[in-house]
């Protein structure tokens, strides 16, 4: 991807993130108002709203959009997901890497935040890293760590390996820590992901790890998706960004989950 194109994508995502933040406060926004605030055209804002609607964040209405209560997350392509809240994900990844001790065995599931963690671990050595993501294994190929890529059927949009072969491999593996990226953290529905096969392998990863870290930016809180991985309390820790609301932070702590701000 050309440098100019990448920069354009990042600017667009920053604008969409801001629109999402405003919508969470106001519950409804107008195209004309957003165009004035963002100092851009109404055509650009409409395109942004279309993207956010496809992601399940909002519903388009006449002249604007409204917030979707308990939005359902769709199965986005990993390449697109990497551009969403990318700064927050990088901070979360660095915090996660700081929590990994030398010599530990860890599990990284597939996803954009866990891919960022893999990049943060490239300079480390002596770790054992178990993953079901082809791209994560590739990121770590040149590192001085032992990388275990479990087998399975490839999911093209996530570069992950799922199915019976993956599940059988996870039954025979254990680790000190699991870093689990999720698409939704919902207090009623639990930790969720759009794909049912991903949900199954994620559940097996939970059983294979001593300490469970959910890594997710704060926009995932309150969202849900098709595949339920486990109850929210399956997480021992949540590493997230400082946009988490005080109410959500307190509720998580009441459930016994250690909230770590990146």
C-alpha atoms as a PDB file:
ATOM      1  CA  UNK A   1       0.000   0.000   0.000  1.00  0.00           C
ATOM      2  CA  UNK A   2       1.342   3.411  -0.934  1.00  0.00           C
ATOM      3  CA  UNK A   3       2.311   5.733   1.892  1.00  0.00           C
ATOM      4  CA  UNK A   4      -0.224   8.350   0.818  1.00  0.00           C
ATOM      5  CA  UNK A   5      -3.042   5.806   0.723  1.00  0.00           C
ATOM      6  CA  UNK A   6      -2.161   4.484   4.181  1.00  0.00           C
ATOM      7  CA  UNK A   7      -2.127   8.002   5.598  1.00  0.00           C
ATOM      8  CA  UNK A   8      -5.537   8.673   4.084  1.00  0.00           C
ATOM      9  CA  UNK A   9      -6.943   5.521   5.697  1.00  0.00           C
ATOM     10  CA  UNK A  10      -5.570   6.471   9.099  1.00  0.00           C
ATOM     11  CA  UNK A  11      -7.041   9.975   8.877  1.00  0.00           C
ATOM     12  CA  UNK A  12     -10.406   8.508   7.904  1.00  0.00           C
ATOM     13  CA  UNK A  13     -10.309   6.106  10.866  1.00  0.00           C
ATOM     14  CA  UNK A  14      -9.455   8.909  13.270  1.00  0.00           C
ATOM     15  CA  UNK A  15     -12.491  10.806  11.975  1.00  0.00           C
ATOM     16  CA  UNK A  16     -14.733   7.744  12.306  1.00  0.00           C
ATOM     17  CA  UNK A  17     -13.468   7.094  15.820  1.00  0.00           C
ATOM     18  CA  UNK A  18     -14.351  10.678  16.734  1.00  0.00           C
ATOM     19  CA  UNK A  19     -17.806  10.325  15.191  1.00  0.00           C
ATOM     20  CA  UNK A  20     -18.337   7.144  17.206  1.00  0.00           C
ATOM     21  CA  UNK A  21     -17.279   8.883  20.432  1.00  0.00           C
ATOM     22  CA  UNK A  22     -19.668  11.791  19.802  1.00  0.00           C
ATOM     23  CA  UNK A  23     -22.494   9.393  18.974  1.00  0.00           C
ATOM     24  CA  UNK A  24     -22.008   7.528  22.256  1.00  0.00           C
ATOM     25  CA  UNK A  25     -22.544  10.780  24.139  1.00  0.00           C
ATOM     26  CA  UNK A  26     -25.339  12.297  22.041  1.00  0.00           C
ATOM     27  CA  UNK A  27     -27.060   9.078  20.781  1.00  0.00           C
ATOM     28  CA  UNK A  28     -27.916  10.911  17.535  1.00  0.00           C
ATOM     29  CA  UNK A  29     -25.848  12.966  15.094  1.00  0.00           C
ATOM     30  CA  UNK A  30     -26.574  15.050  11.984  1.00  0.00           C
ATOM     31  CA  UNK A  31     -24.493  14.876   8.805  1.00  0.00           C
ATOM     32  CA  UNK A  32     -24.303  18.652   8.441  1.00  0.00           C
ATOM     33  CA  UNK A  33     -23.216  19.141  12.044  1.00  0.00           C
ATOM     34  CA  UNK A  34     -20.508  16.473  11.786  1.00  0.00           C
ATOM     35  CA  UNK A  35     -19.234  17.992   8.539  1.00  0.00           C
ATOM     36  CA  UNK A  36     -18.817  21.348  10.286  1.00  0.00           C
ATOM     37  CA  UNK A  37     -17.096  19.831  13.322  1.00  0.00           C
ATOM     38  CA  UNK A  38     -14.759  17.669  11.257  1.00  0.00           C
ATOM     39  CA  UNK A  39     -14.141  20.445   8.696  1.00  0.00           C
ATOM     40  CA  UNK A  40     -14.933  18.154   5.807  1.00  0.00           C
ATOM     41  CA  UNK A  41     -17.723  17.620   3.272  1.00  0.00           C
ATOM     42  CA  UNK A  42     -21.131  16.116   3.942  1.00  0.00           C
ATOM     43  CA  UNK A  43     -20.346  13.511   1.262  1.00  0.00           C
ATOM     44  CA  UNK A  44     -17.326  12.358   3.283  1.00  0.00           C
ATOM     45  CA  UNK A  45     -19.384  12.157   6.485  1.00  0.00           C
ATOM     46  CA  UNK A  46     -22.077  10.115   4.730  1.00  0.00           C
ATOM     47  CA  UNK A  47     -19.401   7.662   3.572  1.00  0.00           C
ATOM     48  CA  UNK A  48     -18.081   7.453   7.140  1.00  0.00           C
ATOM     49  CA  UNK A  49     -21.576   6.743   8.455  1.00  0.00           C
ATOM     50  CA  UNK A  50     -22.015   4.029   5.832  1.00  0.00           C
ATOM     51  CA  UNK A  51     -18.797   2.355   7.031  1.00  0.00           C
ATOM     52  CA  UNK A  52     -19.843   2.614  10.695  1.00  0.00           C
ATOM     53  CA  UNK A  53     -23.272   1.207   9.875  1.00  0.00           C
ATOM     54  CA  UNK A  54     -21.682  -1.828   8.193  1.00  0.00           C
ATOM     55  CA  UNK A  55     -19.653  -2.337  11.373  1.00  0.00           C
ATOM     56  CA  UNK A  56     -22.834  -2.352  13.432  1.00  0.00           C
ATOM     57  CA  UNK A  57     -22.040   0.857  15.330  1.00  0.00           C
ATOM     58  CA  UNK A  58     -25.010   2.937  14.178  1.00  0.00           C
ATOM     59  CA  UNK A  59     -28.170   3.043  12.123  1.00  0.00           C
ATOM     60  CA  UNK A  60     -28.565   5.575   9.326  1.00  0.00           C
ATOM     61  CA  UNK A  61     -31.626   7.794   9.600  1.00  0.00           C
ATOM     62  CA  UNK A  62     -32.830  10.897   7.724  1.00  0.00           C
ATOM     63  CA  UNK A  63     -30.040  13.538   7.719  1.00  0.00           C
ATOM     64  CA  UNK A  64     -27.872  11.590  10.166  1.00  0.00           C
ATOM     65  CA  UNK A  65     -27.536   8.494  12.328  1.00  0.00           C
ATOM     66  CA  UNK A  66     -28.530   7.076  15.696  1.00  0.00           C
ATOM     67  CA  UNK A  67     -26.583   4.905  18.102  1.00  0.00           C
ATOM     68  CA  UNK A  68     -27.432   1.210  17.993  1.00  0.00           C
ATOM     69  CA  UNK A  69     -28.084  -0.137  21.482  1.00  0.00           C
ATOM     70  CA  UNK A  70     -26.215  -3.402  22.093  1.00  0.00           C
ATOM     71  CA  UNK A  71     -24.770  -3.342  18.559  1.00  0.00           C
ATOM     72  CA  UNK A  72     -23.968  -6.668  16.922  1.00  0.00           C
ATOM     73  CA  UNK A  73     -20.471  -6.920  15.446  1.00  0.00           C
ATOM     74  CA  UNK A  74     -20.011  -8.345  11.959  1.00  0.00           C
ATOM     75  CA  UNK A  75     -17.045 -10.398  10.748  1.00  0.00           C
ATOM     76  CA  UNK A  76     -14.705  -7.775   9.294  1.00  0.00           C
ATOM     77  CA  UNK A  77     -11.578  -8.502   7.286  1.00  0.00           C
ATOM     78  CA  UNK A  78      -8.402  -8.432   9.422  1.00  0.00           C
ATOM     79  CA  UNK A  79      -6.797  -5.845   7.143  1.00  0.00           C
ATOM     80  CA  UNK A  80      -9.718  -3.474   7.742  1.00  0.00           C
ATOM     81  CA  UNK A  81      -9.777  -4.203  11.496  1.00  0.00           C
ATOM     82  CA  UNK A  82      -6.104  -3.251  11.834  1.00  0.00           C
ATOM     83  CA  UNK A  83      -6.966   0.343  10.871  1.00  0.00           C
ATOM     84  CA  UNK A  84      -9.784   0.659  13.446  1.00  0.00           C
ATOM     85  CA  UNK A  85      -8.638   2.238  16.737  1.00  0.00           C
ATOM     86  CA  UNK A  86      -5.072   1.418  15.679  1.00  0.00           C
ATOM     87  CA  UNK A  87      -3.412   3.789  18.171  1.00  0.00           C
ATOM     88  CA  UNK A  88      -5.317   2.255  21.071  1.00  0.00           C
ATOM     89  CA  UNK A  89      -4.402  -1.239  19.886  1.00  0.00           C
ATOM     90  CA  UNK A  90      -0.707  -0.365  19.725  1.00  0.00           C
ATOM     91  CA  UNK A  91      -0.801   0.949  23.309  1.00  0.00           C
ATOM     92  CA  UNK A  92      -2.643  -2.174  24.475  1.00  0.00           C
ATOM     93  CA  UNK A  93      -0.075  -4.356  22.698  1.00  0.00           C
ATOM     94  CA  UNK A  94       2.858  -2.620  24.366  1.00  0.00           C
ATOM     95  CA  UNK A  95       1.228  -2.966  27.782  1.00  0.00           C
ATOM     96  CA  UNK A  96       0.554  -6.661  27.145  1.00  0.00           C
ATOM     97  CA  UNK A  97       4.174  -7.246  26.097  1.00  0.00           C
ATOM     98  CA  UNK A  98       5.370  -5.599  29.312  1.00  0.00           C
ATOM     99  CA  UNK A  99       3.344  -8.143  31.314  1.00  0.00           C
ATOM    100  CA  UNK A 100       5.035 -11.160  29.708  1.00  0.00           C
ATOM    101  CA  UNK A 101       7.978 -12.504  31.689  1.00  0.00           C
ATOM    102  CA  UNK A 102      11.049 -14.120  30.153  1.00  0.00           C
ATOM    103  CA  UNK A 103      10.667 -17.842  29.582  1.00  0.00           C
ATOM    104  CA  UNK A 104       6.863 -17.883  29.670  1.00  0.00           C
ATOM    105  CA  UNK A 105       4.597 -19.807  27.329  1.00  0.00           C
ATOM    106  CA  UNK A 106       1.786 -17.664  25.958  1.00  0.00           C
ATOM    107  CA  UNK A 107      -1.168 -18.088  23.622  1.00  0.00           C
ATOM    108  CA  UNK A 108      -2.071 -15.421  21.064  1.00  0.00           C
ATOM    109  CA  UNK A 109      -5.390 -15.943  19.319  1.00  0.00           C
ATOM    110  CA  UNK A 110      -6.065 -14.405  15.909  1.00  0.00           C
ATOM    111  CA  UNK A 111      -6.989 -10.751  15.573  1.00  0.00           C
ATOM    112  CA  UNK A 112      -5.692  -7.246  15.007  1.00  0.00           C
ATOM    113  CA  UNK A 113      -4.818  -6.499  18.647  1.00  0.00           C
ATOM    114  CA  UNK A 114      -3.000  -9.813  19.144  1.00  0.00           C
ATOM    115  CA  UNK A 115      -1.134  -9.187  15.881  1.00  0.00           C
ATOM    116  CA  UNK A 116       0.064  -5.918  17.409  1.00  0.00           C
ATOM    117  CA  UNK A 117       1.232  -7.878  20.471  1.00  0.00           C
ATOM    118  CA  UNK A 118       3.189 -10.240  18.207  1.00  0.00           C
ATOM    119  CA  UNK A 119       4.950  -7.247  16.637  1.00  0.00           C
ATOM    120  CA  UNK A 120       5.795  -5.946  20.117  1.00  0.00           C
ATOM    121  CA  UNK A 121       7.429  -9.293  20.934  1.00  0.00           C
ATOM    122  CA  UNK A 122       9.729  -9.474  17.911  1.00  0.00           C
ATOM    123  CA  UNK A 123      12.725  -8.216  19.874  1.00  0.00           C
ATOM    124  CA  UNK A 124      12.118 -10.607  22.774  1.00  0.00           C
ATOM    125  CA  UNK A 125      13.700 -14.047  23.093  1.00  0.00           C
ATOM    126  CA  UNK A 126      13.133 -17.281  24.994  1.00  0.00           C
ATOM    127  CA  UNK A 127       9.339 -17.204  24.865  1.00  0.00           C
ATOM    128  CA  UNK A 128       7.093 -20.003  23.672  1.00  0.00           C
ATOM    129  CA  UNK A 129       4.270 -18.522  21.616  1.00  0.00           C
ATOM    130  CA  UNK A 130       1.280 -20.656  20.630  1.00  0.00           C
ATOM    131  CA  UNK A 131      -1.081 -19.270  18.006  1.00  0.00           C
ATOM    132  CA  UNK A 132      -3.756 -20.249  15.529  1.00  0.00           C
ATOM    133  CA  UNK A 133      -2.999 -17.241  13.299  1.00  0.00           C
ATOM    134  CA  UNK A 134      -0.803 -17.645  10.222  1.00  0.00           C
ATOM    135  CA  UNK A 135       0.036 -13.932  10.104  1.00  0.00           C
ATOM    136  CA  UNK A 136       1.133 -13.915  13.761  1.00  0.00           C
ATOM    137  CA  UNK A 137       3.409 -16.906  13.202  1.00  0.00           C
ATOM    138  CA  UNK A 138       4.852 -15.113  10.177  1.00  0.00           C
ATOM    139  CA  UNK A 139       5.447 -11.928  12.191  1.00  0.00           C
ATOM    140  CA  UNK A 140       7.473 -13.934  14.729  1.00  0.00           C
ATOM    141  CA  UNK A 141       9.383 -16.156  12.305  1.00  0.00           C
ATOM    142  CA  UNK A 142      12.611 -14.154  12.573  1.00  0.00           C
ATOM    143  CA  UNK A 143      12.403 -13.706  16.351  1.00  0.00           C
ATOM    144  CA  UNK A 144      14.382 -15.769  18.865  1.00  0.00           C
ATOM    145  CA  UNK A 145      11.260 -17.364  20.307  1.00  0.00           C
ATOM    146  CA  UNK A 146       9.746 -20.799  19.911  1.00  0.00           C
ATOM    147  CA  UNK A 147       6.602 -20.414  17.806  1.00  0.00           C
ATOM    148  CA  UNK A 148       3.954 -23.139  17.705  1.00  0.00           C
ATOM    149  CA  UNK A 149       1.385 -22.762  14.931  1.00  0.00           C
ATOM    150  CA  UNK A 150      -1.504 -25.135  15.427  1.00  0.00           C
ATOM    151  CA  UNK A 151      -3.037 -26.736  12.343  1.00  0.00           C
ATOM    152  CA  UNK A 152      -6.524 -26.461  10.956  1.00  0.00           C
ATOM    153  CA  UNK A 153      -8.714 -24.986   8.246  1.00  0.00           C
ATOM    154  CA  UNK A 154      -7.766 -21.476   7.077  1.00  0.00           C
ATOM    155  CA  UNK A 155     -10.222 -18.620   7.441  1.00  0.00           C
ATOM    156  CA  UNK A 156      -9.244 -16.200   4.683  1.00  0.00           C
ATOM    157  CA  UNK A 157     -10.466 -12.948   6.217  1.00  0.00           C
ATOM    158  CA  UNK A 158      -8.753 -13.514   9.589  1.00  0.00           C
ATOM    159  CA  UNK A 159      -5.720 -15.668   8.581  1.00  0.00           C
ATOM    160  CA  UNK A 160      -6.711 -17.970  11.443  1.00  0.00           C
ATOM    161  CA  UNK A 161      -6.785 -21.758  11.653  1.00  0.00           C
ATOM    162  CA  UNK A 162      -9.961 -23.350  13.004  1.00  0.00           C
ATOM    163  CA  UNK A 163     -11.820 -26.646  13.047  1.00  0.00           C
ATOM    164  CA  UNK A 164     -11.195 -30.151  14.462  1.00  0.00           C
ATOM    165  CA  UNK A 165      -7.419 -30.140  13.864  1.00  0.00           C
ATOM    166  CA  UNK A 166      -7.029 -26.847  15.749  1.00  0.00           C
ATOM    167  CA  UNK A 167      -9.210 -28.065  18.585  1.00  0.00           C
ATOM    168  CA  UNK A 168      -7.284 -31.326  18.938  1.00  0.00           C
ATOM    169  CA  UNK A 169      -3.977 -29.448  19.023  1.00  0.00           C
ATOM    170  CA  UNK A 170      -5.205 -27.095  21.768  1.00  0.00           C
ATOM    171  CA  UNK A 171      -6.302 -30.063  23.924  1.00  0.00           C
ATOM    172  CA  UNK A 172      -2.632 -31.036  24.198  1.00  0.00           C
ATOM    173  CA  UNK A 173      -1.182 -27.602  24.928  1.00  0.00           C
ATOM    174  CA  UNK A 174      -1.061 -25.355  27.974  1.00  0.00           C
ATOM    175  CA  UNK A 175       0.396 -21.936  28.642  1.00  0.00           C
ATOM    176  CA  UNK A 176       1.085 -19.419  31.380  1.00  0.00           C
ATOM    177  CA  UNK A 177      -0.927 -16.647  29.762  1.00  0.00           C
ATOM    178  CA  UNK A 178      -3.580 -16.251  27.083  1.00  0.00           C
ATOM    179  CA  UNK A 179      -4.031 -12.953  25.279  1.00  0.00           C
ATOM    180  CA  UNK A 180      -7.496 -13.096  23.788  1.00  0.00           C
ATOM    181  CA  UNK A 181      -8.799 -10.523  21.353  1.00  0.00           C
ATOM    182  CA  UNK A 182     -12.592 -10.308  21.228  1.00  0.00           C
ATOM    183  CA  UNK A 183     -15.081  -8.385  19.103  1.00  0.00           C
ATOM    184  CA  UNK A 184     -17.563  -7.838  21.908  1.00  0.00           C
ATOM    185  CA  UNK A 185     -17.595  -7.576  25.697  1.00  0.00           C
ATOM    186  CA  UNK A 186     -21.222  -7.665  26.793  1.00  0.00           C
ATOM    187  CA  UNK A 187     -22.234  -7.984  30.432  1.00  0.00           C
ATOM    188  CA  UNK A 188     -25.232 -10.169  29.517  1.00  0.00           C
ATOM    189  CA  UNK A 189     -23.989 -12.132  26.499  1.00  0.00           C
ATOM    190  CA  UNK A 190     -20.321 -12.386  27.479  1.00  0.00           C
ATOM    191  CA  UNK A 191     -17.138 -12.411  25.395  1.00  0.00           C
ATOM    192  CA  UNK A 192     -18.071 -12.826  21.743  1.00  0.00           C
ATOM    193  CA  UNK A 193     -16.669 -13.150  18.241  1.00  0.00           C
ATOM    194  CA  UNK A 194     -18.491 -13.195  14.876  1.00  0.00           C
ATOM    195  CA  UNK A 195     -17.390 -16.703  13.828  1.00  0.00           C
ATOM    196  CA  UNK A 196     -18.632 -19.834  15.609  1.00  0.00           C
ATOM    197  CA  UNK A 197     -15.500 -21.853  14.858  1.00  0.00           C
ATOM    198  CA  UNK A 198     -13.346 -19.053  16.253  1.00  0.00           C
ATOM    199  CA  UNK A 199     -15.509 -19.081  19.387  1.00  0.00           C
ATOM    200  CA  UNK A 200     -14.896 -22.809  19.817  1.00  0.00           C
ATOM    201  CA  UNK A 201     -11.105 -22.621  19.531  1.00  0.00           C
ATOM    202  CA  UNK A 202     -11.087 -19.558  21.808  1.00  0.00           C
ATOM    203  CA  UNK A 203     -12.936 -21.539  24.495  1.00  0.00           C
ATOM    204  CA  UNK A 204     -10.288 -24.243  24.300  1.00  0.00           C
ATOM    205  CA  UNK A 205      -7.558 -21.608  24.635  1.00  0.00           C
ATOM    206  CA  UNK A 206      -9.255 -20.386  27.823  1.00  0.00           C
ATOM    207  CA  UNK A 207      -9.043 -23.883  29.303  1.00  0.00           C
ATOM    208  CA  UNK A 208      -5.367 -24.184  28.347  1.00  0.00           C
ATOM    209  CA  UNK A 209      -4.148 -21.011  30.053  1.00  0.00           C
ATOM    210  CA  UNK A 210      -3.430 -20.252  33.700  1.00  0.00           C
ATOM    211  CA  UNK A 211      -3.928 -16.494  33.389  1.00  0.00           C
ATOM    212  CA  UNK A 212      -6.407 -14.955  30.914  1.00  0.00           C
ATOM    213  CA  UNK A 213      -5.935 -11.445  29.518  1.00  0.00           C
ATOM    214  CA  UNK A 214      -8.642 -10.064  27.259  1.00  0.00           C
ATOM    215  CA  UNK A 215      -7.129  -7.382  25.031  1.00  0.00           C
ATOM    216  CA  UNK A 216      -9.702  -5.024  23.546  1.00  0.00           C
ATOM    217  CA  UNK A 217     -10.140  -1.320  22.988  1.00  0.00           C
ATOM    218  CA  UNK A 218     -13.002   0.255  24.926  1.00  0.00           C
ATOM    219  CA  UNK A 219     -15.278   0.456  21.873  1.00  0.00           C
ATOM    220  CA  UNK A 220     -15.806  -3.320  22.223  1.00  0.00           C
ATOM    221  CA  UNK A 221     -17.533  -2.922  25.602  1.00  0.00           C
ATOM    222  CA  UNK A 222     -21.301  -3.169  25.245  1.00  0.00           C
ATOM    223  CA  UNK A 223     -21.089  -4.871  21.861  1.00  0.00           C
ATOM    224  CA  UNK A 224     -21.923  -8.456  21.098  1.00  0.00           C
ATOM    225  CA  UNK A 225     -21.500 -10.845  18.210  1.00  0.00           C
ATOM    226  CA  UNK A 226     -22.803 -14.210  17.012  1.00  0.00           C
ATOM    227  CA  UNK A 227     -20.366 -16.598  18.665  1.00  0.00           C
ATOM    228  CA  UNK A 228     -20.269 -16.650  22.451  1.00  0.00           C
ATOM    229  CA  UNK A 229     -16.825 -17.602  23.753  1.00  0.00           C
ATOM    230  CA  UNK A 230     -17.532 -17.477  27.483  1.00  0.00           C
ATOM    231  CA  UNK A 231     -18.970 -15.314  30.231  1.00  0.00           C
ATOM    232  CA  UNK A 232     -17.184 -12.029  30.891  1.00  0.00           C
ATOM    233  CA  UNK A 233     -15.883 -13.477  34.171  1.00  0.00           C
ATOM    234  CA  UNK A 234     -13.752 -15.967  32.209  1.00  0.00           C
ATOM    235  CA  UNK A 235     -11.300 -13.080  31.881  1.00  0.00           C
ATOM    236  CA  UNK A 236      -8.923 -12.468  34.765  1.00  0.00           C
ATOM    237  CA  UNK A 237      -7.705  -9.185  33.297  1.00  0.00           C
ATOM    238  CA  UNK A 238      -8.839  -6.696  30.665  1.00  0.00           C
ATOM    239  CA  UNK A 239      -6.216  -4.539  28.970  1.00  0.00           C
ATOM    240  CA  UNK A 240      -7.974  -1.599  27.349  1.00  0.00           C
ATOM    241  CA  UNK A 241      -7.620   2.125  26.639  1.00  0.00           C
ATOM    242  CA  UNK A 242      -8.387   5.149  28.764  1.00  0.00           C
ATOM    243  CA  UNK A 243     -11.679   5.851  26.974  1.00  0.00           C
ATOM    244  CA  UNK A 244     -13.403   3.181  29.053  1.00  0.00           C
ATOM    245  CA  UNK A 245     -16.248   4.740  31.031  1.00  0.00           C
ATOM    246  CA  UNK A 246     -16.022   4.873  34.834  1.00  0.00           C
ATOM    247  CA  UNK A 247     -19.266   2.862  35.014  1.00  0.00           C
ATOM    248  CA  UNK A 248     -17.912   0.037  32.822  1.00  0.00           C
ATOM    249  CA  UNK A 249     -14.631   0.026  34.695  1.00  0.00           C
ATOM    250  CA  UNK A 250     -16.399  -0.265  38.033  1.00  0.00           C
ATOM    251  CA  UNK A 251     -18.733  -2.998  36.789  1.00  0.00           C
ATOM    252  CA  UNK A 252     -15.791  -5.063  35.558  1.00  0.00           C
ATOM    253  CA  UNK A 253     -14.015  -4.658  38.874  1.00  0.00           C
ATOM    254  CA  UNK A 254     -17.175  -5.738  40.715  1.00  0.00           C
ATOM    255  CA  UNK A 255     -17.033  -8.929  38.643  1.00  0.00           C
ATOM    256  CA  UNK A 256     -13.481  -9.534  39.864  1.00  0.00           C
ATOM    257  CA  UNK A 257     -11.764  -8.542  36.620  1.00  0.00           C
ATOM    258  CA  UNK A 258      -8.526  -6.580  36.874  1.00  0.00           C
ATOM    259  CA  UNK A 259      -8.806  -3.577  34.519  1.00  0.00           C
ATOM    260  CA  UNK A 260      -5.438  -2.480  33.122  1.00  0.00           C
ATOM    261  CA  UNK A 261      -5.313   0.838  31.278  1.00  0.00           C
ATOM    262  CA  UNK A 262      -2.755   1.052  28.477  1.00  0.00           C
END
